[in-house]
Amino acid sequence: MRIGIPHWHPNAAELDYVIGGRGRMTVFSPGDKVDTFEVGPGEIVFVPSAYFHYIENVNASEDMQFGVFFDHERPEDIGLSGAFGAYSNEVLGSVFGLQSKVLDSLPKYQEVLFVVAGG
């Protein structure tokens, strides 16, 4: 996986276990709070239900491997890859109740992207 697309799961909390590689996780919480941190093998990340989040690989020469677990048998996934690129940060900030500058560092794409790790 090279980069995770900003998304959220409205009906499920997410637990990520880092198997290999290093990742940089960003989680948006209510009240304009943004947490960005790096994780490595053996570490766990918890993302509450409906929290907007994404992860990126911090080392392009090394694969990043995660085990991802949800507390719902059919977790919904609302990705913003295509729609996100179509709106200004001011509009998105209004929709999500965030200051527009908080969104400046997020990647924007003009189409919907789907990232899957192969086996």
C-alpha atoms as a PDB file:
ATOM      1  CA  MET A   1       0.000   0.000   0.000  1.00  0.00           C
ATOM      2  CA  ARG A   2       1.426   3.404  -0.928  1.00  0.00           C
ATOM      3  CA  ILE A   3      -1.141   5.747   0.572  1.00  0.00           C
ATOM      4  CA  GLY A   4      -4.493   5.431   2.224  1.00  0.00           C
ATOM      5  CA  ILE A   5      -7.259   7.626   0.924  1.00  0.00           C
ATOM      6  CA  PRO A   6      -9.017   9.910   3.442  1.00  0.00           C
ATOM      7  CA  HIS A   7     -12.171   8.122   4.571  1.00  0.00           C
ATOM      8  CA  TRP A   8     -14.355   7.154   7.518  1.00  0.00           C
ATOM      9  CA  HIS A   9     -16.506   4.233   8.641  1.00  0.00           C
ATOM     10  CA  PRO A  10     -19.883   5.539   9.875  1.00  0.00           C
ATOM     11  CA  ASN A  11     -20.908   2.232  11.458  1.00  0.00           C
ATOM     12  CA  ALA A  12     -17.645   0.742  12.700  1.00  0.00           C
ATOM     13  CA  ALA A  13     -14.611   1.455  14.829  1.00  0.00           C
ATOM     14  CA  GLU A  14     -11.291   0.355  13.319  1.00  0.00           C
ATOM     15  CA  LEU A  15      -8.295  -1.349  14.926  1.00  0.00           C
ATOM     16  CA  ASP A  16      -5.059  -1.451  12.903  1.00  0.00           C
ATOM     17  CA  TYR A  17      -2.132  -3.711  13.754  1.00  0.00           C
ATOM     18  CA  VAL A  18       1.171  -2.894  12.046  1.00  0.00           C
ATOM     19  CA  ILE A  19       2.754  -6.066  10.663  1.00  0.00           C
ATOM     20  CA  GLY A  20       5.612  -4.493   8.713  1.00  0.00           C
ATOM     21  CA  GLY A  21       6.963  -1.176   7.498  1.00  0.00           C
ATOM     22  CA  ARG A  22       6.274   2.251   8.937  1.00  0.00           C
ATOM     23  CA  GLY A  23       3.195   4.366   8.469  1.00  0.00           C
ATOM     24  CA  ARG A  24       2.088   7.898   9.242  1.00  0.00           C
ATOM     25  CA  MET A  25      -1.484   7.966  10.504  1.00  0.00           C
ATOM     26  CA  THR A  26      -3.705  11.057  10.592  1.00  0.00           C
ATOM     27  CA  VAL A  27      -6.973  11.018  12.531  1.00  0.00           C
ATOM     28  CA  PHE A  28      -9.412  13.947  12.601  1.00  0.00           C
ATOM     29  CA  SER A  29     -11.382  14.247  15.825  1.00  0.00           C
ATOM     30  CA  PRO A  30     -14.271  16.530  16.766  1.00  0.00           C
ATOM     31  CA  GLY A  31     -13.355  20.104  17.623  1.00  0.00           C
ATOM     32  CA  ASP A  32     -10.681  20.675  14.937  1.00  0.00           C
ATOM     33  CA  LYS A  33      -8.314  18.204  16.613  1.00  0.00           C
ATOM     34  CA  VAL A  34      -5.903  16.502  14.219  1.00  0.00           C
ATOM     35  CA  ASP A  35      -3.514  13.790  15.418  1.00  0.00           C
ATOM     36  CA  THR A  36      -0.660  12.731  13.137  1.00  0.00           C
ATOM     37  CA  PHE A  37       1.823  10.111  14.319  1.00  0.00           C
ATOM     38  CA  GLU A  38       4.078   7.361  13.011  1.00  0.00           C
ATOM     39  CA  VAL A  39       3.585   3.666  13.735  1.00  0.00           C
ATOM     40  CA  GLY A  40       5.763   0.617  13.201  1.00  0.00           C
ATOM     41  CA  PRO A  41       5.728  -3.176  13.572  1.00  0.00           C
ATOM     42  CA  GLY A  42       3.874  -4.457  16.628  1.00  0.00           C
ATOM     43  CA  GLU A  43       2.018  -1.198  17.244  1.00  0.00           C
ATOM     44  CA  ILE A  44      -1.757  -0.790  17.313  1.00  0.00           C
ATOM     45  CA  VAL A  45      -3.936   2.155  16.262  1.00  0.00           C
ATOM     46  CA  PHE A  46      -7.575   2.600  17.270  1.00  0.00           C
ATOM     47  CA  VAL A  47      -9.889   4.809  15.185  1.00  0.00           C
ATOM     48  CA  PRO A  48     -13.354   5.459  16.691  1.00  0.00           C
ATOM     49  CA  SER A  49     -16.428   5.009  14.527  1.00  0.00           C
ATOM     50  CA  ALA A  50     -17.025   7.874  12.065  1.00  0.00           C
ATOM     51  CA  TYR A  51     -13.619   9.529  12.646  1.00  0.00           C
ATOM     52  CA  PHE A  52     -12.097  10.756   9.389  1.00  0.00           C
ATOM     53  CA  HIS A  53      -8.624   9.212   8.909  1.00  0.00           C
ATOM     54  CA  TYR A  54      -5.910   8.085   6.518  1.00  0.00           C
ATOM     55  CA  ILE A  55      -2.482   6.482   6.533  1.00  0.00           C
ATOM     56  CA  GLU A  56       0.576   6.907   4.341  1.00  0.00           C
ATOM     57  CA  ASN A  57       3.700   4.829   3.853  1.00  0.00           C
ATOM     58  CA  VAL A  58       6.722   6.762   5.191  1.00  0.00           C
ATOM     59  CA  ASN A  59       9.298   4.651   3.329  1.00  0.00           C
ATOM     60  CA  ALA A  60       8.667   4.186  -0.411  1.00  0.00           C
ATOM     61  CA  SER A  61      11.341   1.458  -0.639  1.00  0.00           C
ATOM     62  CA  GLU A  62       9.622  -0.737   1.967  1.00  0.00           C
ATOM     63  CA  ASP A  63       6.147  -2.275   1.867  1.00  0.00           C
ATOM     64  CA  MET A  64       3.761  -1.329   4.631  1.00  0.00           C
ATOM     65  CA  GLN A  65       1.577  -4.146   5.977  1.00  0.00           C
ATOM     66  CA  PHE A  66      -1.380  -3.730   8.313  1.00  0.00           C
ATOM     67  CA  GLY A  67      -3.976  -6.046   9.764  1.00  0.00           C
ATOM     68  CA  VAL A  68      -7.245  -4.075   9.837  1.00  0.00           C
ATOM     69  CA  PHE A  69     -10.131  -5.107  12.105  1.00  0.00           C
ATOM     70  CA  PHE A  70     -13.619  -3.646  12.520  1.00  0.00           C
ATOM     71  CA  ASP A  71     -16.274  -4.020  15.214  1.00  0.00           C
ATOM     72  CA  HIS A  72     -19.011  -4.533  12.629  1.00  0.00           C
ATOM     73  CA  GLU A  73     -19.396  -7.512  10.293  1.00  0.00           C
ATOM     74  CA  ARG A  74     -20.103  -5.193   7.322  1.00  0.00           C
ATOM     75  CA  PRO A  75     -18.225  -1.955   7.882  1.00  0.00           C
ATOM     76  CA  GLU A  76     -19.277   0.893   5.639  1.00  0.00           C
ATOM     77  CA  ASP A  77     -16.531   2.949   4.050  1.00  0.00           C
ATOM     78  CA  ILE A  78     -17.079   6.492   2.852  1.00  0.00           C
ATOM     79  CA  GLY A  79     -14.049   7.608   0.887  1.00  0.00           C
ATOM     80  CA  LEU A  80     -13.472  11.127  -0.236  1.00  0.00           C
ATOM     81  CA  SER A  81     -10.847  10.583  -2.902  1.00  0.00           C
ATOM     82  CA  GLY A  82     -12.941  11.749  -5.851  1.00  0.00           C
ATOM     83  CA  ALA A  83     -15.328  14.119  -4.127  1.00  0.00           C
ATOM     84  CA  PHE A  84     -12.583  15.561  -1.956  1.00  0.00           C
ATOM     85  CA  GLY A  85     -10.661  16.821  -4.981  1.00  0.00           C
ATOM     86  CA  ALA A  86     -13.755  18.507  -6.397  1.00  0.00           C
ATOM     87  CA  TYR A  87     -14.303  20.912  -3.488  1.00  0.00           C
ATOM     88  CA  SER A  88     -12.214  23.742  -2.043  1.00  0.00           C
ATOM     89  CA  ASN A  89     -10.796  23.428   1.468  1.00  0.00           C
ATOM     90  CA  GLU A  90     -13.125  26.239   2.537  1.00  0.00           C
ATOM     91  CA  VAL A  91     -16.204  24.239   1.488  1.00  0.00           C
ATOM     92  CA  LEU A  92     -14.885  21.018   3.032  1.00  0.00           C
ATOM     93  CA  GLY A  93     -13.981  22.851   6.236  1.00  0.00           C
ATOM     94  CA  SER A  94     -17.553  24.139   6.488  1.00  0.00           C
ATOM     95  CA  VAL A  95     -19.008  20.683   5.898  1.00  0.00           C
ATOM     96  CA  PHE A  96     -16.800  18.976   8.477  1.00  0.00           C
ATOM     97  CA  GLY A  97     -16.633  21.850  10.961  1.00  0.00           C
ATOM     98  CA  LEU A  98     -12.867  22.280  10.509  1.00  0.00           C
ATOM     99  CA  GLN A  99     -10.663  25.240   9.736  1.00  0.00           C
ATOM    100  CA  SER A 100      -9.737  25.089   6.036  1.00  0.00           C
ATOM    101  CA  LYS A 101      -5.980  25.175   6.832  1.00  0.00           C
ATOM    102  CA  VAL A 102      -6.347  21.813   8.622  1.00  0.00           C
ATOM    103  CA  LEU A 103      -7.113  20.253   5.225  1.00  0.00           C
ATOM    104  CA  ASP A 104      -4.177  21.804   3.320  1.00  0.00           C
ATOM    105  CA  SER A 105      -1.861  18.807   3.791  1.00  0.00           C
ATOM    106  CA  LEU A 106      -4.334  16.148   2.614  1.00  0.00           C
ATOM    107  CA  PRO A 107      -3.834  14.653  -0.845  1.00  0.00           C
ATOM    108  CA  LYS A 108      -6.518  15.475  -3.428  1.00  0.00           C
ATOM    109  CA  TYR A 109      -7.451  13.320  -6.401  1.00  0.00           C
ATOM    110  CA  GLN A 110      -9.801  13.997  -9.274  1.00  0.00           C
ATOM    111  CA  GLU A 111     -11.124  10.436  -9.379  1.00  0.00           C
ATOM    112  CA  VAL A 112     -12.159   7.799  -6.875  1.00  0.00           C
ATOM    113  CA  LEU A 113      -9.212   5.632  -5.845  1.00  0.00           C
ATOM    114  CA  PHE A 114      -9.385   2.208  -4.281  1.00  0.00           C
ATOM    115  CA  VAL A 115      -6.268   0.869  -2.585  1.00  0.00           C
ATOM    116  CA  VAL A 116      -5.943  -2.874  -1.926  1.00  0.00           C
ATOM    117  CA  ALA A 117      -2.991  -4.933  -0.774  1.00  0.00           C
ATOM    118  CA  GLY A 118      -2.411  -8.110  -2.790  1.00  0.00           C
ATOM    119  CA  GLY A 119      -1.603 -11.500  -1.367  1.00  0.00           C
END
